[in-house]
Amino acid sequence: YQFVPMQLRVLFMNTIGVGWGVFLNMKA
């Protein structure tokens, strides 16, 4: 919210989310 332009926020969160998704998949 502080630094990423609005149009790129979903891409940024989804890119970081790749690692989180691996964690979630393994926990699930």
PDB file of all heavy atoms in Angstrom:
ATOM      1  N   TYR A   1       0.811  -1.220   0.000  1.00  0.00           N
ATOM      2  CA  TYR A   1       0.000   0.000   0.000  1.00  0.00           C
ATOM      3  C   TYR A   1       0.844   1.270   0.000  1.00  0.00           C
ATOM      4  O   TYR A   1       0.424   2.295  -0.523  1.00  0.00           O
ATOM      5  CB  TYR A   1      -0.961   0.009   1.189  1.00  0.00           C
ATOM      6  CG  TYR A   1      -2.048  -1.013   1.063  1.00  0.00           C
ATOM      7  CD1 TYR A   1      -2.206  -2.016   2.015  1.00  0.00           C
ATOM      8  CD2 TYR A   1      -2.926  -1.013  -0.021  1.00  0.00           C
ATOM      9  CE1 TYR A   1      -3.200  -2.970   1.899  1.00  0.00           C
ATOM     10  CE2 TYR A   1      -3.922  -1.964  -0.151  1.00  0.00           C
ATOM     11  CZ  TYR A   1      -4.051  -2.933   0.823  1.00  0.00           C
ATOM     12  OH  TYR A   1      -5.029  -3.878   0.695  1.00  0.00           O
ATOM     13  N   GLN A   2       2.021   1.194   0.582  1.00  0.00           N
ATOM     14  CA  GLN A   2       2.881   2.376   0.674  1.00  0.00           C
ATOM     15  C   GLN A   2       3.621   2.659  -0.629  1.00  0.00           C
ATOM     16  O   GLN A   2       3.743   3.814  -1.025  1.00  0.00           O
ATOM     17  CB  GLN A   2       3.897   2.187   1.803  1.00  0.00           C
ATOM     18  CG  GLN A   2       4.829   3.369   2.008  1.00  0.00           C
ATOM     19  CD  GLN A   2       4.149   4.545   2.674  1.00  0.00           C
ATOM     20  OE1 GLN A   2       3.441   4.381   3.641  1.00  0.00           O
ATOM     21  NE2 GLN A   2       4.352   5.735   2.164  1.00  0.00           N
ATOM     22  N   PHE A   3       4.105   1.608  -1.305  1.00  0.00           N
ATOM     23  CA  PHE A   3       5.040   1.832  -2.400  1.00  0.00           C
ATOM     24  C   PHE A   3       4.604   1.308  -3.768  1.00  0.00           C
ATOM     25  O   PHE A   3       5.144   1.741  -4.775  1.00  0.00           O
ATOM     26  CB  PHE A   3       6.403   1.205  -2.055  1.00  0.00           C
ATOM     27  CG  PHE A   3       7.016   1.788  -0.823  1.00  0.00           C
ATOM     28  CD1 PHE A   3       7.110   1.036   0.337  1.00  0.00           C
ATOM     29  CD2 PHE A   3       7.490   3.091  -0.804  1.00  0.00           C
ATOM     30  CE1 PHE A   3       7.672   1.571   1.488  1.00  0.00           C
ATOM     31  CE2 PHE A   3       8.051   3.630   0.341  1.00  0.00           C
ATOM     32  CZ  PHE A   3       8.148   2.869   1.495  1.00  0.00           C
ATOM     33  N   VAL A   4       3.699   0.359  -3.826  1.00  0.00           N
ATOM     34  CA  VAL A   4       3.349  -0.273  -5.101  1.00  0.00           C
ATOM     35  C   VAL A   4       2.170   0.461  -5.730  1.00  0.00           C
ATOM     36  O   VAL A   4       1.158   0.684  -5.058  1.00  0.00           O
ATOM     37  CB  VAL A   4       3.022  -1.776  -4.886  1.00  0.00           C
ATOM     38  CG1 VAL A   4       2.621  -2.436  -6.189  1.00  0.00           C
ATOM     39  CG2 VAL A   4       4.224  -2.492  -4.267  1.00  0.00           C
ATOM     40  N   PRO A   5       2.280   0.836  -7.011  1.00  0.00           N
ATOM     41  CA  PRO A   5       1.152   1.497  -7.675  1.00  0.00           C
ATOM     42  C   PRO A   5      -0.082   0.585  -7.684  1.00  0.00           C
ATOM     43  O   PRO A   5       0.036  -0.639  -7.754  1.00  0.00           O
ATOM     44  CB  PRO A   5       1.646   1.733  -9.104  1.00  0.00           C
ATOM     45  CG  PRO A   5       3.120   1.545  -9.064  1.00  0.00           C
ATOM     46  CD  PRO A   5       3.424   0.662  -7.894  1.00  0.00           C
ATOM     47  N   MET A   6      -1.241   1.200  -7.629  1.00  0.00           N
ATOM     48  CA  MET A   6      -2.510   0.471  -7.545  1.00  0.00           C
ATOM     49  C   MET A   6      -2.608  -0.661  -8.573  1.00  0.00           C
ATOM     50  O   MET A   6      -2.990  -1.773  -8.244  1.00  0.00           O
ATOM     51  CB  MET A   6      -3.669   1.461  -7.715  1.00  0.00           C
ATOM     52  CG  MET A   6      -5.025   0.824  -7.801  1.00  0.00           C
ATOM     53  SD  MET A   6      -5.450  -0.045  -6.291  1.00  0.00           S
ATOM     54  CE  MET A   6      -7.171  -0.265  -6.553  1.00  0.00           C
ATOM     55  N   GLN A   7      -2.273  -0.386  -9.822  1.00  0.00           N
ATOM     56  CA  GLN A   7      -2.448  -1.396 -10.868  1.00  0.00           C
ATOM     57  C   GLN A   7      -1.537  -2.607 -10.685  1.00  0.00           C
ATOM     58  O   GLN A   7      -1.812  -3.670 -11.237  1.00  0.00           O
ATOM     59  CB  GLN A   7      -2.254  -0.799 -12.253  1.00  0.00           C
ATOM     60  CG  GLN A   7      -0.796  -0.477 -12.595  1.00  0.00           C
ATOM     61  CD  GLN A   7      -0.639   0.082 -13.988  1.00  0.00           C
ATOM     62  OE1 GLN A   7      -1.531   0.683 -14.526  1.00  0.00           O
ATOM     63  NE2 GLN A   7       0.515  -0.128 -14.572  1.00  0.00           N
ATOM     64  N   LEU A   8      -0.480  -2.483  -9.886  1.00  0.00           N
ATOM     65  CA  LEU A   8       0.457  -3.599  -9.698  1.00  0.00           C
ATOM     66  C   LEU A   8       0.326  -4.290  -8.346  1.00  0.00           C
ATOM     67  O   LEU A   8       1.057  -5.231  -8.053  1.00  0.00           O
ATOM     68  CB  LEU A   8       1.902  -3.103  -9.886  1.00  0.00           C
ATOM     69  CG  LEU A   8       2.231  -2.543 -11.268  1.00  0.00           C
ATOM     70  CD1 LEU A   8       3.645  -1.984 -11.286  1.00  0.00           C
ATOM     71  CD2 LEU A   8       2.051  -3.603 -12.350  1.00  0.00           C
ATOM     72  N   ARG A   9      -0.599  -3.845  -7.518  1.00  0.00           N
ATOM     73  CA  ARG A   9      -0.707  -4.407  -6.171  1.00  0.00           C
ATOM     74  C   ARG A   9      -1.082  -5.884  -6.168  1.00  0.00           C
ATOM     75  O   ARG A   9      -0.547  -6.656  -5.374  1.00  0.00           O
ATOM     76  CB  ARG A   9      -1.714  -3.614  -5.337  1.00  0.00           C
ATOM     77  CG  ARG A   9      -1.181  -2.281  -4.931  1.00  0.00           C
ATOM     78  CD  ARG A   9      -2.136  -1.538  -4.058  1.00  0.00           C
ATOM     79  NE  ARG A   9      -1.647  -0.188  -3.860  1.00  0.00           N
ATOM     80  CZ  ARG A   9      -2.402   0.815  -3.519  1.00  0.00           C
ATOM     81  NH1 ARG A   9      -3.700   0.634  -3.292  1.00  0.00           N
ATOM     82  NH2 ARG A   9      -1.888   2.007  -3.358  1.00  0.00           N
ATOM     83  N   VAL A  10      -2.006  -6.278  -7.015  1.00  0.00           N
ATOM     84  CA  VAL A  10      -2.402  -7.691  -7.050  1.00  0.00           C
ATOM     85  C   VAL A  10      -1.230  -8.547  -7.525  1.00  0.00           C
ATOM     86  O   VAL A  10      -0.944  -9.595  -6.951  1.00  0.00           O
ATOM     87  CB  VAL A  10      -3.660  -7.897  -7.921  1.00  0.00           C
ATOM     88  CG1 VAL A  10      -3.966  -9.380  -8.094  1.00  0.00           C
ATOM     89  CG2 VAL A  10      -4.854  -7.173  -7.310  1.00  0.00           C
ATOM     90  N   LEU A  11      -0.522  -8.092  -8.545  1.00  0.00           N
ATOM     91  CA  LEU A  11       0.657  -8.815  -9.026  1.00  0.00           C
ATOM     92  C   LEU A  11       1.695  -8.950  -7.917  1.00  0.00           C
ATOM     93  O   LEU A  11       2.236 -10.038  -7.697  1.00  0.00           O
ATOM     94  CB  LEU A  11       1.273  -8.102 -10.233  1.00  0.00           C
ATOM     95  CG  LEU A  11       2.620  -8.655 -10.715  1.00  0.00           C
ATOM     96  CD1 LEU A  11       2.467 -10.086 -11.220  1.00  0.00           C
ATOM     97  CD2 LEU A  11       3.209  -7.750 -11.795  1.00  0.00           C
ATOM     98  N   PHE A  12       1.964  -7.870  -7.204  1.00  0.00           N
ATOM     99  CA  PHE A  12       2.943  -7.917  -6.119  1.00  0.00           C
ATOM    100  C   PHE A  12       2.543  -8.932  -5.055  1.00  0.00           C
ATOM    101  O   PHE A  12       3.338  -9.790  -4.660  1.00  0.00           O
ATOM    102  CB  PHE A  12       3.104  -6.517  -5.495  1.00  0.00           C
ATOM    103  CG  PHE A  12       4.034  -6.500  -4.313  1.00  0.00           C
ATOM    104  CD1 PHE A  12       5.406  -6.544  -4.493  1.00  0.00           C
ATOM    105  CD2 PHE A  12       3.538  -6.441  -3.017  1.00  0.00           C
ATOM    106  CE1 PHE A  12       6.266  -6.541  -3.397  1.00  0.00           C
ATOM    107  CE2 PHE A  12       4.381  -6.438  -1.917  1.00  0.00           C
ATOM    108  CZ  PHE A  12       5.754  -6.477  -2.117  1.00  0.00           C
ATOM    109  N   MET A  13       1.302  -8.841  -4.601  1.00  0.00           N
ATOM    110  CA  MET A  13       0.831  -9.758  -3.552  1.00  0.00           C
ATOM    111  C   MET A  13       0.817 -11.205  -4.055  1.00  0.00           C
ATOM    112  O   MET A  13       1.171 -12.125  -3.311  1.00  0.00           O
ATOM    113  CB  MET A  13      -0.551  -9.350  -3.060  1.00  0.00           C
ATOM    114  CG  MET A  13      -0.580  -8.005  -2.355  1.00  0.00           C
ATOM    115  SD  MET A  13       0.414  -7.921  -0.859  1.00  0.00           S
ATOM    116  CE  MET A  13      -0.765  -8.523   0.339  1.00  0.00           C
ATOM    117  N   ASN A  14       0.411 -11.424  -5.311  1.00  0.00           N
ATOM    118  CA  ASN A  14       0.392 -12.780  -5.855  1.00  0.00           C
ATOM    119  C   ASN A  14       1.803 -13.344  -6.009  1.00  0.00           C
ATOM    120  O   ASN A  14       2.022 -14.542  -5.817  1.00  0.00           O
ATOM    121  CB  ASN A  14      -0.309 -12.827  -7.208  1.00  0.00           C
ATOM    122  CG  ASN A  14      -1.814 -12.700  -7.127  1.00  0.00           C
ATOM    123  OD1 ASN A  14      -2.472 -12.481  -8.135  1.00  0.00           O
ATOM    124  ND2 ASN A  14      -2.385 -12.822  -5.949  1.00  0.00           N
ATOM    125  N   THR A  15       2.750 -12.480  -6.355  1.00  0.00           N
ATOM    126  CA  THR A  15       4.141 -12.937  -6.510  1.00  0.00           C
ATOM    127  C   THR A  15       4.706 -13.355  -5.160  1.00  0.00           C
ATOM    128  O   THR A  15       5.292 -14.439  -5.026  1.00  0.00           O
ATOM    129  CB  THR A  15       4.994 -11.830  -7.156  1.00  0.00           C
ATOM    130  OG1 THR A  15       4.418 -11.496  -8.429  1.00  0.00           O
ATOM    131  CG2 THR A  15       6.420 -12.287  -7.353  1.00  0.00           C
ATOM    132  N   ILE A  16       4.513 -12.531  -4.143  1.00  0.00           N
ATOM    133  CA  ILE A  16       4.947 -12.897  -2.792  1.00  0.00           C
ATOM    134  C   ILE A  16       4.154 -14.126  -2.331  1.00  0.00           C
ATOM    135  O   ILE A  16       4.673 -15.002  -1.636  1.00  0.00           O
ATOM    136  CB  ILE A  16       4.743 -11.723  -1.804  1.00  0.00           C
ATOM    137  CG1 ILE A  16       5.515 -10.481  -2.249  1.00  0.00           C
ATOM    138  CG2 ILE A  16       5.115 -12.133  -0.382  1.00  0.00           C
ATOM    139  CD1 ILE A  16       7.008 -10.637  -2.316  1.00  0.00           C
ATOM    140  N   GLY A  17       2.909 -14.193  -2.774  1.00  0.00           N
ATOM    141  CA  GLY A  17       2.027 -15.290  -2.395  1.00  0.00           C
ATOM    142  C   GLY A  17       2.450 -16.648  -2.905  1.00  0.00           C
ATOM    143  O   GLY A  17       1.968 -17.672  -2.402  1.00  0.00           O
ATOM    144  N   VAL A  18       3.350 -16.706  -3.884  1.00  0.00           N
ATOM    145  CA  VAL A  18       3.835 -18.013  -4.354  1.00  0.00           C
ATOM    146  C   VAL A  18       4.474 -18.757  -3.186  1.00  0.00           C
ATOM    147  O   VAL A  18       4.159 -19.920  -2.929  1.00  0.00           O
ATOM    148  CB  VAL A  18       4.815 -17.864  -5.542  1.00  0.00           C
ATOM    149  CG1 VAL A  18       5.508 -19.188  -5.851  1.00  0.00           C
ATOM    150  CG2 VAL A  18       4.079 -17.358  -6.782  1.00  0.00           C
ATOM    151  N   GLY A  19       5.334 -18.080  -2.455  1.00  0.00           N
ATOM    152  CA  GLY A  19       5.977 -18.716  -1.295  1.00  0.00           C
ATOM    153  C   GLY A  19       4.978 -19.048  -0.201  1.00  0.00           C
ATOM    154  O   GLY A  19       5.018 -20.135   0.381  1.00  0.00           O
ATOM    155  N   TRP A  20       4.052 -18.133   0.056  1.00  0.00           N
ATOM    156  CA  TRP A  20       3.024 -18.376   1.059  1.00  0.00           C
ATOM    157  C   TRP A  20       2.131 -19.536   0.629  1.00  0.00           C
ATOM    158  O   TRP A  20       1.727 -20.366   1.449  1.00  0.00           O
ATOM    159  CB  TRP A  20       2.191 -17.114   1.303  1.00  0.00           C
ATOM    160  CG  TRP A  20       1.142 -17.334   2.340  1.00  0.00           C
ATOM    161  CD1 TRP A  20      -0.193 -17.485   2.136  1.00  0.00           C
ATOM    162  CD2 TRP A  20       1.341 -17.470   3.747  1.00  0.00           C
ATOM    163  NE1 TRP A  20      -0.839 -17.701   3.328  1.00  0.00           N
ATOM    164  CE2 TRP A  20       0.083 -17.684   4.337  1.00  0.00           C
ATOM    165  CE3 TRP A  20       2.460 -17.414   4.566  1.00  0.00           C
ATOM    166  CZ2 TRP A  20      -0.086 -17.853   5.703  1.00  0.00           C
ATOM    167  CZ3 TRP A  20       2.285 -17.581   5.929  1.00  0.00           C
ATOM    168  CH2 TRP A  20       1.025 -17.799   6.480  1.00  0.00           C
ATOM    169  N   GLY A  21       1.839 -19.601  -0.654  1.00  0.00           N
ATOM    170  CA  GLY A  21       1.013 -20.690  -1.169  1.00  0.00           C
ATOM    171  C   GLY A  21       1.667 -22.051  -0.979  1.00  0.00           C
ATOM    172  O   GLY A  21       0.998 -23.039  -0.684  1.00  0.00           O
ATOM    173  N   VAL A  22       2.986 -22.102  -1.122  1.00  0.00           N
ATOM    174  CA  VAL A  22       3.706 -23.353  -0.865  1.00  0.00           C
ATOM    175  C   VAL A  22       3.515 -23.731   0.604  1.00  0.00           C
ATOM    176  O   VAL A  22       3.175 -24.875   0.923  1.00  0.00           O
ATOM    177  CB  VAL A  22       5.207 -23.218  -1.214  1.00  0.00           C
ATOM    178  CG1 VAL A  22       5.992 -24.426  -0.727  1.00  0.00           C
ATOM    179  CG2 VAL A  22       5.388 -23.037  -2.718  1.00  0.00           C
ATOM    180  N   PHE A  23       3.702 -22.764   1.491  1.00  0.00           N
ATOM    181  CA  PHE A  23       3.495 -23.004   2.927  1.00  0.00           C
ATOM    182  C   PHE A  23       2.068 -23.488   3.191  1.00  0.00           C
ATOM    183  O   PHE A  23       1.854 -24.486   3.895  1.00  0.00           O
ATOM    184  CB  PHE A  23       3.781 -21.714   3.708  1.00  0.00           C
ATOM    185  CG  PHE A  23       3.350 -21.757   5.151  1.00  0.00           C
ATOM    186  CD1 PHE A  23       4.112 -22.423   6.099  1.00  0.00           C
ATOM    187  CD2 PHE A  23       2.176 -21.130   5.561  1.00  0.00           C
ATOM    188  CE1 PHE A  23       3.719 -22.458   7.431  1.00  0.00           C
ATOM    189  CE2 PHE A  23       1.772 -21.162   6.883  1.00  0.00           C
ATOM    190  CZ  PHE A  23       2.541 -21.824   7.821  1.00  0.00           C
ATOM    191  N   LEU A  24       1.068 -22.801   2.634  1.00  0.00           N
ATOM    192  CA  LEU A  24      -0.331 -23.170   2.856  1.00  0.00           C
ATOM    193  C   LEU A  24      -0.637 -24.561   2.320  1.00  0.00           C
ATOM    194  O   LEU A  24      -1.328 -25.344   2.970  1.00  0.00           O
ATOM    195  CB  LEU A  24      -1.270 -22.164   2.172  1.00  0.00           C
ATOM    196  CG  LEU A  24      -1.832 -21.045   2.995  1.00  0.00           C
ATOM    197  CD1 LEU A  24      -2.832 -20.244   2.179  1.00  0.00           C
ATOM    198  CD2 LEU A  24      -2.428 -21.490   4.291  1.00  0.00           C
ATOM    199  N   ASN A  25      -0.145 -24.851   1.129  1.00  0.00           N
ATOM    200  CA  ASN A  25      -0.355 -26.178   0.550  1.00  0.00           C
ATOM    201  C   ASN A  25       0.199 -27.261   1.462  1.00  0.00           C
ATOM    202  O   ASN A  25      -0.431 -28.292   1.675  1.00  0.00           O
ATOM    203  CB  ASN A  25       0.325 -26.286  -0.824  1.00  0.00           C
ATOM    204  CG  ASN A  25      -0.563 -25.918  -1.965  1.00  0.00           C
ATOM    205  OD1 ASN A  25      -1.437 -26.685  -2.343  1.00  0.00           O
ATOM    206  ND2 ASN A  25      -0.365 -24.739  -2.513  1.00  0.00           N
ATOM    207  N   MET A  26       1.372 -27.005   1.990  1.00  0.00           N
ATOM    208  CA  MET A  26       2.003 -28.011   2.840  1.00  0.00           C
ATOM    209  C   MET A  26       1.260 -28.135   4.176  1.00  0.00           C
ATOM    210  O   MET A  26       1.120 -29.231   4.710  1.00  0.00           O
ATOM    211  CB  MET A  26       3.481 -27.694   3.014  1.00  0.00           C
ATOM    212  CG  MET A  26       4.215 -27.833   1.672  1.00  0.00           C
ATOM    213  SD  MET A  26       5.904 -27.282   1.671  1.00  0.00           S
ATOM    214  CE  MET A  26       6.702 -28.645   2.485  1.00  0.00           C
ATOM    215  N   LYS A  27       0.749 -27.026   4.708  1.00  0.00           N
ATOM    216  CA  LYS A  27      -0.016 -27.072   5.957  1.00  0.00           C
ATOM    217  C   LYS A  27      -1.407 -27.673   5.735  1.00  0.00           C
ATOM    218  O   LYS A  27      -1.963 -28.285   6.645  1.00  0.00           O
ATOM    219  CB  LYS A  27      -0.171 -25.661   6.539  1.00  0.00           C
ATOM    220  CG  LYS A  27       1.091 -25.049   7.072  1.00  0.00           C
ATOM    221  CD  LYS A  27       1.638 -25.776   8.275  1.00  0.00           C
ATOM    222  CE  LYS A  27       0.931 -25.367   9.526  1.00  0.00           C
ATOM    223  NZ  LYS A  27       1.444 -25.931  10.743  1.00  0.00           N
ATOM    224  N   ALA A  28      -1.959 -27.492   4.548  1.00  0.00           N
ATOM    225  CA  ALA A  28      -3.320 -27.958   4.275  1.00  0.00           C
ATOM    226  C   ALA A  28      -3.377 -29.475   4.038  1.00  0.00           C
ATOM    227  O   ALA A  28      -4.428 -30.081   4.208  1.00  0.00           O
ATOM    228  CB  ALA A  28      -3.907 -27.244   3.060  1.00  0.00           C
TER     229      ALA A  28
END
